[in-house]
N, C-alpha and C. Protein backbone atom coordinates (compact mmCIF):
# COMPACT_ATOMS: atom_id res chain seq x y z
N MET A 1 -19.19 -62.95 24.30
CA MET A 1 -19.10 -61.74 23.83
C MET A 1 -19.70 -61.43 22.39
N ALA A 2 -19.71 -60.00 22.40
CA ALA A 2 -20.50 -59.41 22.10
C ALA A 2 -19.78 -59.00 20.18
N GLN A 3 -20.20 -59.15 18.98
CA GLN A 3 -19.35 -58.74 18.16
C GLN A 3 -19.18 -57.40 17.55
N ARG A 4 -18.45 -56.77 17.02
CA ARG A 4 -18.50 -55.84 16.50
C ARG A 4 -18.50 -55.40 15.56
N ALA A 5 -19.33 -54.16 14.88
CA ALA A 5 -19.50 -54.01 13.63
C ALA A 5 -18.14 -53.05 12.46
N ARG A 6 -18.32 -52.76 11.09
CA ARG A 6 -17.45 -52.00 10.69
C ARG A 6 -18.96 -51.26 9.42
N ILE A 7 -18.62 -49.85 10.05
CA ILE A 7 -19.46 -48.93 8.96
C ILE A 7 -18.37 -48.44 8.40
N HIS A 8 -18.64 -47.84 6.34
CA HIS A 8 -17.38 -47.89 5.76
C HIS A 8 -18.35 -47.70 4.40
N PRO A 9 -18.00 -45.81 4.32
CA PRO A 9 -18.94 -45.80 2.82
C PRO A 9 -18.40 -47.09 1.19
N VAL A 10 -19.33 -47.54 0.76
CA VAL A 10 -19.54 -47.86 -0.67
C VAL A 10 -18.84 -48.08 -1.14
N ALA A 11 -17.60 -48.58 -2.16
CA ALA A 11 -16.98 -48.42 -2.89
C ALA A 11 -18.19 -48.48 -4.56
N LYS A 12 -17.06 -47.64 -5.30
CA LYS A 12 -17.72 -47.81 -6.22
C LYS A 12 -17.23 -48.82 -7.10
N SER A 13 -17.92 -49.43 -8.31
CA SER A 13 -17.20 -50.77 -8.68
C SER A 13 -16.31 -50.42 -9.79
N ALA A 14 -15.90 -51.50 -10.96
CA ALA A 14 -14.64 -51.31 -11.17
C ALA A 14 -15.86 -51.21 -13.05
N MET A 15 -17.10 -50.77 -13.03
CA MET A 15 -17.62 -50.70 -14.07
C MET A 15 -18.23 -48.99 -14.19
N GLN A 16 -17.49 -48.39 -12.68
CA GLN A 16 -18.31 -46.81 -12.28
C GLN A 16 -17.42 -46.23 -12.70
N SER A 17 -16.96 -45.22 -13.69
CA SER A 17 -15.94 -44.45 -13.84
C SER A 17 -16.33 -42.45 -13.58
N GLY A 18 -17.44 -42.01 -12.49
CA GLY A 18 -18.20 -40.91 -12.26
C GLY A 18 -17.50 -41.00 -10.74
N ARG A 19 -18.18 -40.34 -9.74
CA ARG A 19 -18.02 -40.19 -9.14
C ARG A 19 -19.69 -39.89 -8.10
N ALA A 20 -21.24 -40.19 -8.73
CA ALA A 20 -21.85 -40.35 -8.48
C ALA A 20 -22.55 -41.43 -7.72
N SER A 21 -23.47 -41.19 -7.03
CA SER A 21 -23.81 -42.01 -6.64
C SER A 21 -23.14 -42.87 -5.10
N LYS A 22 -22.26 -41.90 -5.34
CA LYS A 22 -21.38 -42.78 -3.55
C LYS A 22 -21.69 -42.37 -2.40
N THR A 23 -22.63 -41.75 -2.52
CA THR A 23 -23.46 -41.51 -1.12
C THR A 23 -24.03 -42.16 0.56
N GLU A 24 -23.82 -43.88 0.11
CA GLU A 24 -24.21 -45.04 0.48
C GLU A 24 -23.66 -45.67 1.31
N TRP A 25 -23.90 -45.46 2.30
CA TRP A 25 -22.63 -45.89 4.09
C TRP A 25 -23.41 -48.13 4.05
N MET A 26 -22.04 -48.41 4.23
CA MET A 26 -22.52 -50.60 4.14
C MET A 26 -21.75 -50.62 5.71
N PHE A 27 -23.04 -51.66 6.15
CA PHE A 27 -22.56 -51.49 7.70
C PHE A 27 -22.70 -53.48 7.38
N GLU A 28 -21.35 -53.80 8.39
CA GLU A 28 -20.92 -55.22 7.85
C GLU A 28 -20.29 -55.49 8.78
N TRP A 29 -20.32 -56.66 10.10
CA TRP A 29 -20.38 -57.71 10.81
C TRP A 29 -18.31 -57.98 10.86
N GLU A 30 -17.82 -57.42 11.58
CA GLU A 30 -16.66 -57.62 11.34
C GLU A 30 -16.37 -59.80 11.32
N PRO A 31 -16.01 -60.67 10.92
CA PRO A 31 -15.60 -61.84 11.11
C PRO A 31 -16.05 -62.51 12.62
N GLY A 32 -16.46 -63.33 13.19
CA GLY A 32 -16.44 -63.83 14.45
C GLY A 32 -15.48 -64.65 15.00
N GLU A 33 -15.39 -65.13 13.17
CA GLU A 33 -14.47 -66.61 14.06
C GLU A 33 -13.83 -67.11 12.36
N ALA A 34 -12.48 -67.23 12.64
CA ALA A 34 -12.02 -67.28 11.29
C ALA A 34 -11.93 -68.26 10.51
N GLN A 35 -11.98 -67.94 8.86
CA GLN A 35 -12.04 -69.03 7.75
C GLN A 35 -11.28 -70.38 7.87
N ARG A 36 -11.68 -71.71 7.96
CA ARG A 36 -11.16 -73.06 7.45
C ARG A 36 -11.51 -73.40 6.26
N ALA A 37 -10.79 -74.78 5.93
CA ALA A 37 -10.38 -75.23 4.85
C ALA A 37 -11.54 -76.52 4.58
N ASP A 38 -12.97 -76.56 4.18
CA ASP A 38 -13.72 -77.88 3.85
C ASP A 38 -12.97 -79.19 3.86
N PRO A 39 -12.76 -80.13 4.29
CA PRO A 39 -12.32 -81.00 4.44
C PRO A 39 -12.97 -82.12 2.95
N LEU A 40 -14.31 -81.56 2.54
CA LEU A 40 -14.61 -82.85 1.78
C LEU A 40 -13.85 -81.49 0.25
N THR A 41 -14.82 -80.14 0.13
CA THR A 41 -14.15 -79.61 -0.95
C THR A 41 -12.93 -78.45 -0.85
N GLY A 42 -12.28 -78.03 -0.04
CA GLY A 42 -11.19 -77.58 -0.19
C GLY A 42 -12.15 -76.11 0.24
N TRP A 43 -13.24 -75.53 0.35
CA TRP A 43 -13.05 -73.86 0.37
C TRP A 43 -13.16 -73.76 1.03
N ALA A 44 -13.01 -72.45 1.13
CA ALA A 44 -12.63 -71.77 2.69
C ALA A 44 -14.25 -71.52 3.12
N GLY A 45 -14.15 -71.66 4.62
CA GLY A 45 -14.73 -70.97 5.16
C GLY A 45 -15.28 -70.92 6.77
N SER A 46 -16.78 -71.15 7.61
CA SER A 46 -16.62 -70.93 8.98
C SER A 46 -18.41 -70.87 8.70
N GLY A 47 -18.66 -70.86 10.09
CA GLY A 47 -19.84 -71.24 10.94
C GLY A 47 -21.14 -70.32 11.14
N ASP A 48 -19.86 -68.35 10.88
CA ASP A 48 -20.00 -67.30 10.81
C ASP A 48 -21.24 -66.95 9.95
N THR A 49 -22.82 -66.99 10.56
CA THR A 49 -23.59 -66.50 9.55
C THR A 49 -24.16 -65.08 9.68
N ALA A 50 -23.43 -64.16 10.42
CA ALA A 50 -23.00 -62.95 10.55
C ALA A 50 -22.21 -62.67 9.89
N ALA A 51 -21.73 -62.60 9.27
CA ALA A 51 -20.75 -61.97 7.90
C ALA A 51 -20.90 -61.83 7.09
N GLN A 52 -22.40 -62.81 6.79
CA GLN A 52 -23.47 -62.96 5.30
C GLN A 52 -23.50 -61.27 5.14
N VAL A 53 -24.20 -60.75 5.97
CA VAL A 53 -25.37 -59.57 6.78
C VAL A 53 -24.48 -58.40 5.93
N ARG A 54 -25.38 -58.25 5.48
CA ARG A 54 -24.35 -56.71 4.99
C ARG A 54 -25.49 -55.80 4.77
N LEU A 55 -25.62 -54.19 5.71
CA LEU A 55 -26.84 -53.36 5.27
C LEU A 55 -26.54 -52.25 4.86
N PHE A 56 -27.58 -51.56 3.87
CA PHE A 56 -26.90 -50.30 3.51
C PHE A 56 -27.45 -49.06 3.84
N PHE A 57 -27.25 -48.40 4.02
CA PHE A 57 -27.78 -47.07 3.93
C PHE A 57 -27.74 -46.13 3.42
N PRO A 58 -28.45 -44.94 3.33
CA PRO A 58 -28.09 -43.68 2.71
C PRO A 58 -27.83 -43.06 3.34
N THR A 59 -26.68 -42.77 4.88
CA THR A 59 -25.84 -41.97 4.90
C THR A 59 -25.86 -42.66 6.43
N GLN A 60 -24.24 -41.99 6.41
CA GLN A 60 -23.40 -42.16 7.70
C GLN A 60 -23.89 -41.79 9.00
N ALA A 61 -25.35 -40.80 9.33
CA ALA A 61 -25.91 -40.89 10.53
C ALA A 61 -27.03 -41.62 10.70
N THR A 62 -27.29 -42.55 9.27
CA THR A 62 -28.19 -43.67 9.41
C THR A 62 -28.08 -44.77 10.20
N ALA A 63 -26.37 -44.82 9.66
CA ALA A 63 -25.21 -46.64 9.66
C ALA A 63 -25.26 -46.28 11.62
N ILE A 64 -25.51 -45.49 11.90
CA ILE A 64 -24.64 -45.13 13.24
C ILE A 64 -26.11 -45.01 14.69
N ALA A 65 -27.14 -44.25 14.05
CA ALA A 65 -27.79 -44.20 14.45
C ALA A 65 -28.93 -46.06 14.85
N TYR A 66 -28.31 -46.55 13.35
CA TYR A 66 -29.14 -47.88 13.83
C TYR A 66 -27.80 -48.77 14.12
N ALA A 67 -26.84 -48.35 14.91
CA ALA A 67 -25.66 -49.02 15.42
C ALA A 67 -25.97 -49.15 16.64
N GLU A 68 -26.55 -47.61 17.02
CA GLU A 68 -26.28 -46.58 18.60
C GLU A 68 -27.80 -47.62 19.43
N ALA A 69 -28.91 -47.38 18.52
CA ALA A 69 -30.49 -47.65 18.96
C ALA A 69 -29.42 -49.50 19.36
N ARG A 70 -29.30 -50.21 18.88
CA ARG A 70 -29.73 -51.44 19.01
C ARG A 70 -28.18 -52.33 20.02
N GLY A 71 -26.99 -51.01 20.22
CA GLY A 71 -26.09 -51.38 21.21
C GLY A 71 -25.48 -51.96 20.76
N ILE A 72 -24.69 -52.05 19.36
CA ILE A 72 -23.87 -52.06 18.85
C ILE A 72 -23.31 -51.80 18.71
N ALA A 73 -21.30 -52.20 18.95
CA ALA A 73 -19.68 -51.57 18.70
C ALA A 73 -19.75 -51.03 17.83
N TYR A 74 -18.75 -50.21 17.35
CA TYR A 74 -19.31 -50.55 15.54
C TYR A 74 -18.08 -49.51 15.63
N GLU A 75 -17.01 -49.68 14.13
CA GLU A 75 -15.80 -48.88 13.35
C GLU A 75 -16.00 -47.77 12.70
N LEU A 76 -15.91 -46.54 12.72
CA LEU A 76 -16.38 -46.06 11.57
C LEU A 76 -14.76 -45.50 10.87
N GLU A 77 -15.29 -45.99 9.40
CA GLU A 77 -13.73 -45.76 8.64
C GLU A 77 -14.39 -44.43 7.53
N ALA A 78 -13.55 -43.52 7.48
CA ALA A 78 -13.98 -42.41 7.71
C ALA A 78 -13.61 -42.16 5.92
N GLU A 79 -14.64 -41.36 5.06
CA GLU A 79 -14.47 -41.51 3.57
C GLU A 79 -13.38 -40.60 3.69
N LYS A 80 -12.91 -41.55 2.05
CA LYS A 80 -11.29 -41.38 1.75
C LYS A 80 -12.20 -39.72 0.56
N PRO A 81 -10.32 -38.53 0.94
CA PRO A 81 -10.84 -37.29 0.21
C PRO A 81 -10.89 -38.48 -1.18
N PRO A 82 -11.40 -37.23 -2.20
CA PRO A 82 -11.65 -38.02 -3.97
C PRO A 82 -9.89 -37.17 -4.35
N ALA A 83 -9.71 -38.63 -5.97
CA ALA A 83 -8.67 -38.21 -6.63
C ALA A 83 -8.53 -36.92 -6.61
N PRO A 84 -6.95 -36.26 -6.83
CA PRO A 84 -7.03 -34.79 -7.75
C PRO A 84 -7.77 -36.16 -8.98
N ALA A 85 -8.11 -34.65 -10.21
CA ALA A 85 -8.26 -34.74 -11.16
C ALA A 85 -7.06 -34.77 -12.01
N ILE A 86 -7.43 -35.63 -12.84
CA ILE A 86 -6.07 -36.15 -14.09
C ILE A 86 -5.97 -34.99 -15.10
N LYS A 87 -5.14 -33.74 -15.41
CA LYS A 87 -4.62 -32.96 -16.49
C LYS A 87 -4.51 -33.17 -17.52
N PRO A 88 -5.85 -33.25 -18.74
CA PRO A 88 -5.52 -33.60 -20.26
C PRO A 88 -4.58 -33.07 -20.92
N LYS A 89 -3.84 -34.12 -21.48
CA LYS A 89 -2.82 -34.22 -22.47
C LYS A 89 -2.94 -34.16 -24.00
N ALA A 90 -1.99 -33.38 -24.62
CA ALA A 90 -2.84 -33.97 -25.88
C ALA A 90 -1.62 -34.74 -26.96
N TYR A 91 -1.03 -35.65 -27.84
CA TYR A 91 0.06 -35.39 -28.21
C TYR A 91 0.88 -34.37 -28.72
N ALA A 92 0.00 -33.40 -29.10
CA ALA A 92 1.49 -33.02 -28.97
C ALA A 92 2.51 -32.06 -28.20
N ASP A 93 1.77 -31.87 -27.09
CA ASP A 93 2.64 -31.41 -26.07
C ASP A 93 4.14 -32.04 -25.43
N ASN A 94 3.86 -33.80 -26.33
CA ASN A 94 5.05 -34.06 -26.14
C ASN A 94 5.87 -33.66 -26.81
N PHE A 95 6.08 -32.28 -27.98
CA PHE A 95 7.12 -31.64 -28.69
C PHE A 95 7.11 -29.70 -28.93
N LYS A 96 6.39 -30.00 -27.88
CA LYS A 96 5.67 -28.30 -27.64
C LYS A 96 7.79 -27.98 -26.98
N PHE A 97 7.98 -26.53 -27.36
CA PHE A 97 8.71 -26.05 -27.04
C PHE A 97 8.58 -25.32 -25.92
N GLY A 98 9.99 -25.84 -25.90
CA GLY A 98 10.05 -25.26 -24.21
C GLY A 98 9.56 -25.99 -23.07
N ARG A 99 9.72 -27.25 -23.55
CA ARG A 99 8.58 -28.43 -22.19
C ARG A 99 10.42 -28.27 -21.22
N THR A 100 9.86 -28.83 -19.92
CA THR A 100 9.92 -28.54 -18.65
C THR A 100 9.62 -30.55 -18.20
N GLU A 101 9.41 -31.46 -18.50
CA GLU A 101 9.04 -32.45 -18.27
C GLU A 101 10.47 -33.03 -19.03
N ASN A 102 10.78 -34.52 -18.76
CA ASN A 102 11.68 -35.58 -18.81
C ASN A 102 11.18 -35.79 -20.57
N TRP A 103 11.78 -36.52 -21.57
CA TRP A 103 11.19 -37.42 -22.95
C TRP A 103 11.19 -38.58 -22.19
N SER A 104 9.54 -39.24 -22.73
CA SER A 104 9.42 -40.60 -22.43
C SER A 104 9.64 -41.83 -23.15
N HIS A 105 10.49 -41.34 -24.14
CA HIS A 105 11.47 -42.41 -24.54
C HIS A 105 12.52 -41.27 -25.31
């Protein structure tokens, strides 16, 4: 049985606030078998070592070319659109005349 792979953009870390360096794409294998609890330690694991492999590519096209050159079936996850920009607010806006929003307190 041939395994499938998943190609998706790399998510930014929790410590990253900007949108820079979001150009990398990750190639990872889908799990080949379900995880099971180890009888001695109770930790979850499996015998599928391909699930530990993650390859990084600079563009989506190079990741797809890698999979197609090796005859690997893949699922492409589209890039999410950027979140809308947050409108900056000031504390004084809570008390301005002609306010259309509800009071928060």
